[in-house]
Amino acid sequence: VYMVGFVRGNDLPNATGGGVKNGFIASYKSDGSLRWKKVPRKTKSLQGNIFLSVEAIQSNSKARIYVSGAREKVSWNAFIAKFDTSGTFKNKHERIKADNEKFFGLHHTSQNGNFTIYAALSTPNSISGQGSGKRDGFVLKYDTGLNPPTLAHHVGTPEKDRILGIASHNTRTYVSGWTCGKLGSRQSMNAPDGFVKGF
């Protein structure tokens, strides 16, 4: 069992990160006892930031763990990172040229032994020429090497939109989140409304 999140200051015993808030990854045995815990910001390639938020986690049968979130120094930069099942950092992809972004949900699929990672991104920036308003939700598609992704799906209105979760069944992908605008025939009532959308 794996868990992610973040704590304030040094509130995570024996895994202090030294920042205002520290994202963490923890592994538990089937009886609920702790196997290990890691603070990604102590990894060299994720150091030097005052805030690191780890939002989602996925594991696959190839003994790899993928986590996503954002880290902040001056602005938010979204990242997705790969660890092995002992918590050892392997590599990452970070959107360093795009500000004020964060990854939320993660999901992986497998076809003929090939794994694909889907990551839900919240951003005010356009991607591949798509971007509808103040903040949109995007699903980016990664391979297991975390090479530069391709755009899989976009959810956007002229208002703020966010994708928080991803799942799939057969050939369909489903996302959930909230919007302050109009999706299809549904108009938000001046407050964030939840949605589920299939592709």
C-alpha atoms as a PDB file:
ATOM      1  CA  VAL A   1       0.000   0.000   0.000  1.00  0.00           C
ATOM      2  CA  TYR A   2       1.356   3.423  -0.942  1.00  0.00           C
ATOM      3  CA  MET A   3       0.261   6.848   0.272  1.00  0.00           C
ATOM      4  CA  VAL A   4       1.202  10.415  -0.656  1.00  0.00           C
ATOM      5  CA  GLY A   5       0.460  13.854   0.766  1.00  0.00           C
ATOM      6  CA  PHE A   6       2.239  16.707   2.470  1.00  0.00           C
ATOM      7  CA  VAL A   7       2.880  17.882   6.017  1.00  0.00           C
ATOM      8  CA  ARG A   8       3.889  21.214   7.519  1.00  0.00           C
ATOM      9  CA  GLY A   9       7.478  21.768   8.578  1.00  0.00           C
ATOM     10  CA  ASN A  10       9.054  18.719  10.211  1.00  0.00           C
ATOM     11  CA  ASP A  11       5.823  16.967  11.200  1.00  0.00           C
ATOM     12  CA  LEU A  12       6.766  13.748   9.396  1.00  0.00           C
ATOM     13  CA  PRO A  13       8.895  11.778  11.909  1.00  0.00           C
ATOM     14  CA  ASN A  14      12.378  10.773  10.770  1.00  0.00           C
ATOM     15  CA  ALA A  15      11.858  12.235   7.298  1.00  0.00           C
ATOM     16  CA  THR A  16      12.300  15.974   7.779  1.00  0.00           C
ATOM     17  CA  GLY A  17      12.448  18.102   4.666  1.00  0.00           C
ATOM     18  CA  GLY A  18      13.294  21.526   6.087  1.00  0.00           C
ATOM     19  CA  GLY A  19      10.634  23.476   4.203  1.00  0.00           C
ATOM     20  CA  VAL A  20       7.368  25.183   5.008  1.00  0.00           C
ATOM     21  CA  LYS A  21       5.467  22.195   3.638  1.00  0.00           C
ATOM     22  CA  ASN A  22       6.917  18.864   2.605  1.00  0.00           C
ATOM     23  CA  GLY A  23       5.415  16.338   0.210  1.00  0.00           C
ATOM     24  CA  PHE A  24       5.960  12.698   1.151  1.00  0.00           C
ATOM     25  CA  ILE A  25       5.576   9.137  -0.144  1.00  0.00           C
ATOM     26  CA  ALA A  26       4.988   6.279   2.293  1.00  0.00           C
ATOM     27  CA  SER A  27       4.817   2.506   1.851  1.00  0.00           C
ATOM     28  CA  TYR A  28       2.877   0.290   4.263  1.00  0.00           C
ATOM     29  CA  LYS A  29       2.725  -3.463   4.790  1.00  0.00           C
ATOM     30  CA  SER A  30      -0.580  -5.330   4.593  1.00  0.00           C
ATOM     31  CA  ASP A  31      -0.891  -5.191   8.409  1.00  0.00           C
ATOM     32  CA  GLY A  32      -0.718  -1.385   8.333  1.00  0.00           C
ATOM     33  CA  SER A  33       2.824  -1.059   9.662  1.00  0.00           C
ATOM     34  CA  LEU A  34       5.163   1.395   7.946  1.00  0.00           C
ATOM     35  CA  ARG A  35       7.677  -0.052   5.465  1.00  0.00           C
ATOM     36  CA  TRP A  36       9.385   3.212   4.465  1.00  0.00           C
ATOM     37  CA  LYS A  37       8.739   6.912   3.921  1.00  0.00           C
ATOM     38  CA  LYS A  38      10.469   9.403   1.652  1.00  0.00           C
ATOM     39  CA  VAL A  39      10.469  13.172   1.176  1.00  0.00           C
ATOM     40  CA  PRO A  40      10.990  13.845  -2.562  1.00  0.00           C
ATOM     41  CA  ARG A  41      12.382  17.333  -1.937  1.00  0.00           C
ATOM     42  CA  LYS A  42      15.465  15.678  -0.385  1.00  0.00           C
ATOM     43  CA  THR A  43      16.120  14.113  -3.790  1.00  0.00           C
ATOM     44  CA  LYS A  44      18.803  16.164  -5.569  1.00  0.00           C
ATOM     45  CA  SER A  45      16.707  16.914  -8.655  1.00  0.00           C
ATOM     46  CA  LEU A  46      13.771  18.171  -6.552  1.00  0.00           C
ATOM     47  CA  GLN A  47      15.726  20.232  -4.001  1.00  0.00           C
ATOM     48  CA  GLY A  48      15.841  23.917  -3.241  1.00  0.00           C
ATOM     49  CA  ASN A  49      12.162  24.742  -3.004  1.00  0.00           C
ATOM     50  CA  ILE A  50      10.031  26.157  -0.227  1.00  0.00           C
ATOM     51  CA  PHE A  51       6.966  24.059  -1.042  1.00  0.00           C
ATOM     52  CA  LEU A  52       6.486  20.628  -2.554  1.00  0.00           C
ATOM     53  CA  SER A  53       3.024  19.095  -2.836  1.00  0.00           C
ATOM     54  CA  VAL A  54       2.613  15.431  -3.800  1.00  0.00           C
ATOM     55  CA  GLU A  55      -0.963  14.899  -4.987  1.00  0.00           C
ATOM     56  CA  ALA A  56      -1.279  11.462  -6.627  1.00  0.00           C
ATOM     57  CA  ILE A  57       0.369   8.074  -6.929  1.00  0.00           C
ATOM     58  CA  GLN A  58       0.212   5.033  -9.229  1.00  0.00           C
ATOM     59  CA  SER A  59       2.176   1.778  -9.273  1.00  0.00           C
ATOM     60  CA  ASN A  60       2.561  -0.833 -11.989  1.00  0.00           C
ATOM     61  CA  SER A  61       3.606  -4.458 -12.287  1.00  0.00           C
ATOM     62  CA  LYS A  62       7.120  -3.439 -13.355  1.00  0.00           C
ATOM     63  CA  ALA A  63       7.866  -2.385  -9.757  1.00  0.00           C
ATOM     64  CA  ARG A  64       7.703   1.333 -10.436  1.00  0.00           C
ATOM     65  CA  ILE A  65       5.861   4.057  -8.539  1.00  0.00           C
ATOM     66  CA  TYR A  66       4.804   7.302 -10.212  1.00  0.00           C
ATOM     67  CA  VAL A  67       3.911  10.403  -8.202  1.00  0.00           C
ATOM     68  CA  SER A  68       2.794  13.822  -9.344  1.00  0.00           C
ATOM     69  CA  GLY A  69       2.280  17.259  -7.873  1.00  0.00           C
ATOM     70  CA  ALA A  70       4.041  20.616  -7.960  1.00  0.00           C
ATOM     71  CA  ARG A  71       6.933  22.423  -6.370  1.00  0.00           C
ATOM     72  CA  GLU A  72       7.279  26.125  -5.742  1.00  0.00           C
ATOM     73  CA  LYS A  73      10.246  28.439  -5.542  1.00  0.00           C
ATOM     74  CA  VAL A  74       9.040  31.571  -7.311  1.00  0.00           C
ATOM     75  CA  SER A  75       6.120  30.026  -9.190  1.00  0.00           C
ATOM     76  CA  TRP A  76       4.483  26.594  -9.338  1.00  0.00           C
ATOM     77  CA  ASN A  77       6.042  23.990 -11.609  1.00  0.00           C
ATOM     78  CA  ALA A  78       4.173  20.723 -12.168  1.00  0.00           C
ATOM     79  CA  PHE A  79       6.181  17.504 -12.068  1.00  0.00           C
ATOM     80  CA  ILE A  80       5.766  13.759 -12.378  1.00  0.00           C
ATOM     81  CA  ALA A  81       8.467  11.532 -10.870  1.00  0.00           C
ATOM     82  CA  LYS A  82       9.304   7.836 -10.912  1.00  0.00           C
ATOM     83  CA  PHE A  83      10.538   5.791  -7.931  1.00  0.00           C
ATOM     84  CA  ASP A  84      11.159   2.091  -7.420  1.00  0.00           C
ATOM     85  CA  THR A  85       9.247   0.130  -4.779  1.00  0.00           C
ATOM     86  CA  SER A  86      12.003   0.811  -2.221  1.00  0.00           C
ATOM     87  CA  GLY A  87      11.457   4.551  -2.622  1.00  0.00           C
ATOM     88  CA  THR A  88      14.607   5.182  -4.664  1.00  0.00           C
ATOM     89  CA  PHE A  89      14.248   8.069  -7.120  1.00  0.00           C
ATOM     90  CA  LYS A  90      14.636   7.133 -10.803  1.00  0.00           C
ATOM     91  CA  ASN A  91      13.768  10.118 -12.965  1.00  0.00           C
ATOM     92  CA  LYS A  92      11.225  12.886 -13.494  1.00  0.00           C
ATOM     93  CA  HIS A  93       9.607  15.211 -15.998  1.00  0.00           C
ATOM     94  CA  GLU A  94       9.003  18.793 -14.906  1.00  0.00           C
ATOM     95  CA  ARG A  95       7.231  21.570 -16.773  1.00  0.00           C
ATOM     96  CA  ILE A  96       9.906  24.133 -15.880  1.00  0.00           C
ATOM     97  CA  LYS A  97       8.971  26.635 -18.602  1.00  0.00           C
ATOM     98  CA  ALA A  98       5.303  26.752 -17.607  1.00  0.00           C
ATOM     99  CA  ASP A  99       4.288  28.641 -14.461  1.00  0.00           C
ATOM    100  CA  ASN A 100       1.437  28.305 -11.977  1.00  0.00           C
ATOM    101  CA  GLU A 101       0.657  24.662 -12.744  1.00  0.00           C
ATOM    102  CA  LYS A 102      -0.005  21.517 -10.745  1.00  0.00           C
ATOM    103  CA  PHE A 103      -0.556  17.844 -11.547  1.00  0.00           C
ATOM    104  CA  PHE A 104      -3.380  16.131  -9.683  1.00  0.00           C
ATOM    105  CA  GLY A 105      -4.711  12.696 -10.677  1.00  0.00           C
ATOM    106  CA  LEU A 106      -2.614   9.903 -12.178  1.00  0.00           C
ATOM    107  CA  HIS A 107      -3.701   6.746 -13.983  1.00  0.00           C
ATOM    108  CA  HIS A 108      -1.882   4.036 -15.910  1.00  0.00           C
ATOM    109  CA  THR A 109      -3.053   1.574 -18.533  1.00  0.00           C
ATOM    110  CA  SER A 110      -1.368  -1.471 -20.033  1.00  0.00           C
ATOM    111  CA  GLN A 111      -1.758  -2.882 -23.521  1.00  0.00           C
ATOM    112  CA  ASN A 112       0.380  -5.800 -24.728  1.00  0.00           C
ATOM    113  CA  GLY A 113       2.775  -5.153 -21.861  1.00  0.00           C
ATOM    114  CA  ASN A 114       3.228  -1.469 -22.716  1.00  0.00           C
ATOM    115  CA  PHE A 115       2.350   0.970 -19.960  1.00  0.00           C
ATOM    116  CA  THR A 116       0.976   4.468 -20.479  1.00  0.00           C
ATOM    117  CA  ILE A 117       0.755   7.078 -17.721  1.00  0.00           C
ATOM    118  CA  TYR A 118      -2.020   9.693 -17.802  1.00  0.00           C
ATOM    119  CA  ALA A 119      -1.575  12.803 -15.651  1.00  0.00           C
ATOM    120  CA  ALA A 120      -4.209  15.469 -14.931  1.00  0.00           C
ATOM    121  CA  LEU A 121      -2.807  18.986 -15.201  1.00  0.00           C
ATOM    122  CA  SER A 122      -4.319  22.246 -13.952  1.00  0.00           C
ATOM    123  CA  THR A 123      -2.911  25.263 -15.792  1.00  0.00           C
ATOM    124  CA  PRO A 124      -3.725  28.798 -17.017  1.00  0.00           C
ATOM    125  CA  ASN A 125      -1.431  28.145 -19.996  1.00  0.00           C
ATOM    126  CA  SER A 126      -2.347  26.787 -23.412  1.00  0.00           C
ATOM    127  CA  ILE A 127      -1.038  23.408 -24.589  1.00  0.00           C
ATOM    128  CA  SER A 128      -0.744  22.457 -28.265  1.00  0.00           C
ATOM    129  CA  GLY A 129      -2.748  25.560 -29.109  1.00  0.00           C
ATOM    130  CA  GLN A 130      -5.606  24.603 -26.790  1.00  0.00           C
ATOM    131  CA  GLY A 131      -6.715  26.727 -23.858  1.00  0.00           C
ATOM    132  CA  SER A 132     -10.160  28.177 -23.283  1.00  0.00           C
ATOM    133  CA  GLY A 133     -10.031  30.529 -20.331  1.00  0.00           C
ATOM    134  CA  LYS A 134      -8.690  31.417 -16.915  1.00  0.00           C
ATOM    135  CA  ARG A 135      -7.568  27.885 -15.979  1.00  0.00           C
ATOM    136  CA  ASP A 136      -8.149  24.644 -17.857  1.00  0.00           C
ATOM    137  CA  GLY A 137      -7.802  20.944 -17.205  1.00  0.00           C
ATOM    138  CA  PHE A 138      -5.603  18.797 -19.444  1.00  0.00           C
ATOM    139  CA  VAL A 139      -4.726  15.109 -19.506  1.00  0.00           C
ATOM    140  CA  LEU A 140      -1.164  14.487 -20.633  1.00  0.00           C
ATOM    141  CA  LYS A 141       0.000  11.095 -21.873  1.00  0.00           C
ATOM    142  CA  TYR A 142       3.447   9.797 -20.822  1.00  0.00           C
ATOM    143  CA  ASP A 143       5.435   6.682 -21.531  1.00  0.00           C
ATOM    144  CA  THR A 144       7.129   4.895 -18.622  1.00  0.00           C
ATOM    145  CA  GLY A 145      10.408   6.715 -19.313  1.00  0.00           C
ATOM    146  CA  LEU A 146       8.634  10.045 -18.643  1.00  0.00           C
ATOM    147  CA  ASN A 147       9.699  11.441 -21.983  1.00  0.00           C
ATOM    148  CA  PRO A 148       7.966  14.677 -23.094  1.00  0.00           C
ATOM    149  CA  PRO A 149       4.228  13.919 -23.153  1.00  0.00           C
ATOM    150  CA  THR A 150       1.512  14.286 -25.743  1.00  0.00           C
ATOM    151  CA  LEU A 151      -1.866  15.905 -25.159  1.00  0.00           C
ATOM    152  CA  ALA A 152      -4.618  13.345 -24.607  1.00  0.00           C
ATOM    153  CA  HIS A 153      -7.657  15.380 -23.493  1.00  0.00           C
ATOM    154  CA  HIS A 154      -8.667  18.961 -22.730  1.00  0.00           C
ATOM    155  CA  VAL A 155     -11.527  20.285 -20.594  1.00  0.00           C
ATOM    156  CA  GLY A 156     -11.990  24.030 -20.775  1.00  0.00           C
ATOM    157  CA  THR A 157     -14.550  26.825 -20.557  1.00  0.00           C
ATOM    158  CA  PRO A 158     -14.006  30.610 -20.441  1.00  0.00           C
ATOM    159  CA  GLU A 159     -13.992  30.240 -16.630  1.00  0.00           C
ATOM    160  CA  LYS A 160     -11.830  28.155 -14.274  1.00  0.00           C
ATOM    161  CA  ASP A 161     -11.802  24.377 -14.765  1.00  0.00           C
ATOM    162  CA  ARG A 162      -9.847  21.611 -13.081  1.00  0.00           C
ATOM    163  CA  ILE A 163      -9.437  17.841 -13.601  1.00  0.00           C
ATOM    164  CA  LEU A 164      -8.760  16.018 -10.339  1.00  0.00           C
ATOM    165  CA  GLY A 165      -9.200  12.320 -11.126  1.00  0.00           C
ATOM    166  CA  ILE A 166      -8.686   9.896 -14.025  1.00  0.00           C
ATOM    167  CA  ALA A 167      -9.830   6.318 -14.636  1.00  0.00           C
ATOM    168  CA  SER A 168     -10.311   4.080 -17.649  1.00  0.00           C
ATOM    169  CA  HIS A 169     -12.417   1.117 -18.705  1.00  0.00           C
ATOM    170  CA  ASN A 170     -11.801  -0.804 -21.922  1.00  0.00           C
ATOM    171  CA  THR A 171     -11.000   1.907 -24.482  1.00  0.00           C
ATOM    172  CA  ARG A 172     -12.673   4.785 -22.639  1.00  0.00           C
ATOM    173  CA  THR A 173     -11.029   7.347 -20.361  1.00  0.00           C
ATOM    174  CA  TYR A 174     -13.017   9.157 -17.675  1.00  0.00           C
ATOM    175  CA  VAL A 175     -12.079  12.317 -15.817  1.00  0.00           C
ATOM    176  CA  SER A 176     -13.646  14.064 -12.841  1.00  0.00           C
ATOM    177  CA  GLY A 177     -13.184  17.568 -11.518  1.00  0.00           C
ATOM    178  CA  TRP A 178     -14.953  20.907 -11.231  1.00  0.00           C
ATOM    179  CA  THR A 179     -15.818  23.880 -13.408  1.00  0.00           C
ATOM    180  CA  CYS A 180     -17.016  27.441 -12.930  1.00  0.00           C
ATOM    181  CA  GLY A 181     -18.255  27.606 -16.521  1.00  0.00           C
ATOM    182  CA  LYS A 182     -20.555  25.755 -18.873  1.00  0.00           C
ATOM    183  CA  LEU A 183     -19.750  22.210 -19.970  1.00  0.00           C
ATOM    184  CA  GLY A 184     -22.156  20.935 -22.606  1.00  0.00           C
ATOM    185  CA  SER A 185     -25.664  22.058 -21.653  1.00  0.00           C
ATOM    186  CA  ARG A 186     -24.817  22.495 -17.962  1.00  0.00           C
ATOM    187  CA  GLN A 187     -24.072  25.974 -16.607  1.00  0.00           C
ATOM    188  CA  SER A 188     -22.297  26.425 -13.276  1.00  0.00           C
ATOM    189  CA  MET A 189     -24.307  28.412 -10.714  1.00  0.00           C
ATOM    190  CA  ASN A 190     -21.538  30.941  -9.979  1.00  0.00           C
ATOM    191  CA  ALA A 191     -19.605  28.408  -7.940  1.00  0.00           C
ATOM    192  CA  PRO A 192     -17.498  25.349  -8.771  1.00  0.00           C
ATOM    193  CA  ASP A 193     -19.671  22.434  -9.918  1.00  0.00           C
ATOM    194  CA  GLY A 194     -18.427  18.862 -10.121  1.00  0.00           C
ATOM    195  CA  PHE A 195     -18.390  16.906 -13.366  1.00  0.00           C
ATOM    196  CA  VAL A 196     -17.525  13.489 -14.801  1.00  0.00           C
ATOM    197  CA  LYS A 197     -16.638  13.367 -18.501  1.00  0.00           C
ATOM    198  CA  GLY A 198     -15.795  10.436 -20.773  1.00  0.00           C
ATOM    199  CA  PHE A 199     -13.572  10.352 -23.851  1.00  0.00           C
END
